[in-house]
């Protein structure tokens, strides 16, 4: 069965068929660019990692599973950017026992924010065409 969570994805139109092949094992609808699953196994992490490595452009948000918290990730330029999120969608940065933010984790958040802004622009531009 696996560890399941709520999952939403939006993918660039020209990448949609390949994204569906990777995530679902088949093309559900070649025109479809938005996906929602009530129970996605492990937030489709392995598939999304593979899709990012292939250069597909997309963004995902997911709820918490049994072994992981809520999060989001986006793919741009062959790289997957990730962040942890609260259940209501706010990005969070973990702190250590002294209350200090880990600079590496903060840098990852900044990179995600920059990448997801670019992904959103790509998806919005495509929606207007």
C-alpha atoms as a PDB file:
ATOM      1  CA  UNK A   1       0.000   0.000   0.000  1.00  0.00           C
ATOM      2  CA  UNK A   2       2.611   2.571   0.956  1.00  0.00           C
ATOM      3  CA  UNK A   3       2.445   5.936   2.633  1.00  0.00           C
ATOM      4  CA  UNK A   4      -0.205   8.107   1.006  1.00  0.00           C
ATOM      5  CA  UNK A   5      -1.008  11.807   1.020  1.00  0.00           C
ATOM      6  CA  UNK A   6      -3.122  14.444  -0.708  1.00  0.00           C
ATOM      7  CA  UNK A   7      -1.276  15.639  -3.850  1.00  0.00           C
ATOM      8  CA  UNK A   8      -1.717  18.360  -6.492  1.00  0.00           C
ATOM      9  CA  UNK A   9       0.414  18.985  -9.562  1.00  0.00           C
ATOM     10  CA  UNK A  10       0.498  21.396 -12.470  1.00  0.00           C
ATOM     11  CA  UNK A  11       2.711  20.678 -15.454  1.00  0.00           C
ATOM     12  CA  UNK A  12       3.762  22.526 -18.602  1.00  0.00           C
ATOM     13  CA  UNK A  13       1.481  21.466 -21.458  1.00  0.00           C
ATOM     14  CA  UNK A  14       4.225  20.139 -23.736  1.00  0.00           C
ATOM     15  CA  UNK A  15       5.485  17.991 -20.831  1.00  0.00           C
ATOM     16  CA  UNK A  16       2.082  16.635 -19.828  1.00  0.00           C
ATOM     17  CA  UNK A  17       2.105  13.297 -21.650  1.00  0.00           C
ATOM     18  CA  UNK A  18       5.566  12.381 -20.432  1.00  0.00           C
ATOM     19  CA  UNK A  19       4.725  13.512 -16.889  1.00  0.00           C
ATOM     20  CA  UNK A  20       1.662  11.254 -16.892  1.00  0.00           C
ATOM     21  CA  UNK A  21       3.681   8.313 -18.215  1.00  0.00           C
ATOM     22  CA  UNK A  22       6.202   8.740 -15.407  1.00  0.00           C
ATOM     23  CA  UNK A  23       3.691   9.335 -12.590  1.00  0.00           C
ATOM     24  CA  UNK A  24       0.763   7.131 -13.657  1.00  0.00           C
ATOM     25  CA  UNK A  25       2.391   4.660 -16.053  1.00  0.00           C
ATOM     26  CA  UNK A  26       0.041   5.779 -18.831  1.00  0.00           C
ATOM     27  CA  UNK A  27      -1.304   8.927 -20.493  1.00  0.00           C
ATOM     28  CA  UNK A  28      -4.699   9.715 -18.993  1.00  0.00           C
ATOM     29  CA  UNK A  29      -5.410  12.748 -21.188  1.00  0.00           C
ATOM     30  CA  UNK A  30      -2.738  14.405 -23.341  1.00  0.00           C
ATOM     31  CA  UNK A  31      -4.388  17.825 -22.941  1.00  0.00           C
ATOM     32  CA  UNK A  32      -4.517  17.666 -19.163  1.00  0.00           C
ATOM     33  CA  UNK A  33      -2.064  19.844 -17.215  1.00  0.00           C
ATOM     34  CA  UNK A  34      -3.515  19.782 -13.676  1.00  0.00           C
ATOM     35  CA  UNK A  35      -3.736  16.736 -11.456  1.00  0.00           C
ATOM     36  CA  UNK A  36      -5.199  16.064  -8.027  1.00  0.00           C
ATOM     37  CA  UNK A  37      -5.058  12.866  -6.030  1.00  0.00           C
ATOM     38  CA  UNK A  38      -6.563  12.201  -2.629  1.00  0.00           C
ATOM     39  CA  UNK A  39      -4.092   9.372  -2.002  1.00  0.00           C
ATOM     40  CA  UNK A  40      -0.785   9.627  -3.841  1.00  0.00           C
ATOM     41  CA  UNK A  41       1.839   7.118  -2.775  1.00  0.00           C
ATOM     42  CA  UNK A  42       4.837   8.866  -1.140  1.00  0.00           C
ATOM     43  CA  UNK A  43       3.879  12.159  -2.861  1.00  0.00           C
ATOM     44  CA  UNK A  44       5.050  10.561  -6.153  1.00  0.00           C
ATOM     45  CA  UNK A  45       8.566  11.499  -5.045  1.00  0.00           C
ATOM     46  CA  UNK A  46      10.475   9.017  -7.215  1.00  0.00           C
ATOM     47  CA  UNK A  47       8.447   9.842 -10.324  1.00  0.00           C
ATOM     48  CA  UNK A  48       8.734  13.585  -9.791  1.00  0.00           C
ATOM     49  CA  UNK A  49      12.484  13.255  -9.286  1.00  0.00           C
ATOM     50  CA  UNK A  50      12.739  11.372 -12.588  1.00  0.00           C
ATOM     51  CA  UNK A  51      10.511  13.895 -14.364  1.00  0.00           C
ATOM     52  CA  UNK A  52      12.665  16.768 -13.109  1.00  0.00           C
ATOM     53  CA  UNK A  53      15.845  15.024 -14.275  1.00  0.00           C
ATOM     54  CA  UNK A  54      14.289  14.728 -17.753  1.00  0.00           C
ATOM     55  CA  UNK A  55      13.816  18.507 -17.821  1.00  0.00           C
ATOM     56  CA  UNK A  56      10.044  18.615 -17.408  1.00  0.00           C
ATOM     57  CA  UNK A  57       8.601  21.792 -15.877  1.00  0.00           C
ATOM     58  CA  UNK A  58       6.020  21.354 -13.107  1.00  0.00           C
ATOM     59  CA  UNK A  59       5.060  22.143  -9.533  1.00  0.00           C
ATOM     60  CA  UNK A  60       3.601  19.934  -6.818  1.00  0.00           C
ATOM     61  CA  UNK A  61       2.133  20.490  -3.384  1.00  0.00           C
ATOM     62  CA  UNK A  62       1.304  17.659  -1.027  1.00  0.00           C
ATOM     63  CA  UNK A  63      -0.073  17.036   2.410  1.00  0.00           C
ATOM     64  CA  UNK A  64       1.606  15.067   5.146  1.00  0.00           C
ATOM     65  CA  UNK A  65       1.963  11.315   4.916  1.00  0.00           C
ATOM     66  CA  UNK A  66       2.534   8.940   7.777  1.00  0.00           C
ATOM     67  CA  UNK A  67       6.311   9.327   7.630  1.00  0.00           C
ATOM     68  CA  UNK A  68       6.787  12.863   6.278  1.00  0.00           C
ATOM     69  CA  UNK A  69       5.318  16.327   6.586  1.00  0.00           C
ATOM     70  CA  UNK A  70       3.547  18.496   4.066  1.00  0.00           C
ATOM     71  CA  UNK A  71       5.694  20.011   1.367  1.00  0.00           C
ATOM     72  CA  UNK A  72       6.044  21.362  -2.119  1.00  0.00           C
ATOM     73  CA  UNK A  73       8.451  20.953  -4.955  1.00  0.00           C
ATOM     74  CA  UNK A  74       8.955  22.313  -8.427  1.00  0.00           C
ATOM     75  CA  UNK A  75      11.091  21.325 -11.380  1.00  0.00           C
ATOM     76  CA  UNK A  76      13.012  23.692 -13.605  1.00  0.00           C
ATOM     77  CA  UNK A  77      16.147  23.255 -15.683  1.00  0.00           C
ATOM     78  CA  UNK A  78      16.517  19.581 -14.833  1.00  0.00           C
ATOM     79  CA  UNK A  79      16.521  20.215 -11.083  1.00  0.00           C
ATOM     80  CA  UNK A  80      13.949  19.540  -8.367  1.00  0.00           C
ATOM     81  CA  UNK A  81      13.554  22.254  -5.701  1.00  0.00           C
ATOM     82  CA  UNK A  82      11.843  21.332  -2.432  1.00  0.00           C
ATOM     83  CA  UNK A  83      10.447  22.971   0.687  1.00  0.00           C
ATOM     84  CA  UNK A  84       8.620  21.886   3.792  1.00  0.00           C
ATOM     85  CA  UNK A  85       5.208  23.450   4.343  1.00  0.00           C
ATOM     86  CA  UNK A  86       2.550  23.696   6.989  1.00  0.00           C
ATOM     87  CA  UNK A  87      -0.771  21.989   6.283  1.00  0.00           C
ATOM     88  CA  UNK A  88      -2.236  25.368   5.287  1.00  0.00           C
ATOM     89  CA  UNK A  89       0.480  25.879   2.662  1.00  0.00           C
ATOM     90  CA  UNK A  90       2.961  28.219   4.340  1.00  0.00           C
ATOM     91  CA  UNK A  91       6.622  27.493   3.693  1.00  0.00           C
ATOM     92  CA  UNK A  92       8.534  26.680   6.858  1.00  0.00           C
ATOM     93  CA  UNK A  93      12.209  26.532   7.679  1.00  0.00           C
ATOM     94  CA  UNK A  94      13.243  24.170  10.474  1.00  0.00           C
ATOM     95  CA  UNK A  95      15.195  25.581  13.391  1.00  0.00           C
ATOM     96  CA  UNK A  96      17.681  23.785  15.630  1.00  0.00           C
ATOM     97  CA  UNK A  97      17.310  23.251  19.372  1.00  0.00           C
ATOM     98  CA  UNK A  98      18.723  26.736  20.006  1.00  0.00           C
ATOM     99  CA  UNK A  99      16.123  28.335  17.767  1.00  0.00           C
ATOM    100  CA  UNK A 100      18.559  29.124  14.968  1.00  0.00           C
ATOM    101  CA  UNK A 101      17.717  28.651  11.306  1.00  0.00           C
ATOM    102  CA  UNK A 102      20.033  26.340   9.413  1.00  0.00           C
ATOM    103  CA  UNK A 103      21.610  28.573   6.729  1.00  0.00           C
ATOM    104  CA  UNK A 104      21.715  25.688   4.237  1.00  0.00           C
ATOM    105  CA  UNK A 105      17.986  25.040   4.637  1.00  0.00           C
ATOM    106  CA  UNK A 106      17.246  28.754   4.322  1.00  0.00           C
ATOM    107  CA  UNK A 107      19.224  28.854   1.069  1.00  0.00           C
ATOM    108  CA  UNK A 108      17.182  25.894  -0.224  1.00  0.00           C
ATOM    109  CA  UNK A 109      13.976  27.804   0.563  1.00  0.00           C
ATOM    110  CA  UNK A 110      15.233  30.863  -1.321  1.00  0.00           C
ATOM    111  CA  UNK A 111      16.161  28.723  -4.328  1.00  0.00           C
ATOM    112  CA  UNK A 112      12.738  27.077  -4.272  1.00  0.00           C
ATOM    113  CA  UNK A 113      10.973  30.454  -4.137  1.00  0.00           C
ATOM    114  CA  UNK A 114      12.990  31.761  -7.094  1.00  0.00           C
ATOM    115  CA  UNK A 115      12.378  28.570  -9.090  1.00  0.00           C
ATOM    116  CA  UNK A 116       8.656  28.342  -8.369  1.00  0.00           C
ATOM    117  CA  UNK A 117       8.222  31.982  -9.433  1.00  0.00           C
ATOM    118  CA  UNK A 118       9.777  31.087 -12.802  1.00  0.00           C
ATOM    119  CA  UNK A 119       7.638  27.951 -13.078  1.00  0.00           C
ATOM    120  CA  UNK A 120       4.505  30.000 -12.311  1.00  0.00           C
ATOM    121  CA  UNK A 121       5.427  32.520 -15.025  1.00  0.00           C
ATOM    122  CA  UNK A 122       5.903  29.692 -17.543  1.00  0.00           C
ATOM    123  CA  UNK A 123       2.578  28.104 -16.610  1.00  0.00           C
ATOM    124  CA  UNK A 124       0.708  31.452 -16.612  1.00  0.00           C
ATOM    125  CA  UNK A 125       2.152  32.425 -20.001  1.00  0.00           C
ATOM    126  CA  UNK A 126       1.130  29.075 -21.424  1.00  0.00           C
ATOM    127  CA  UNK A 127      -2.410  29.439 -20.021  1.00  0.00           C
ATOM    128  CA  UNK A 128      -2.820  32.709 -21.942  1.00  0.00           C
ATOM    129  CA  UNK A 129      -1.783  31.160 -25.260  1.00  0.00           C
END
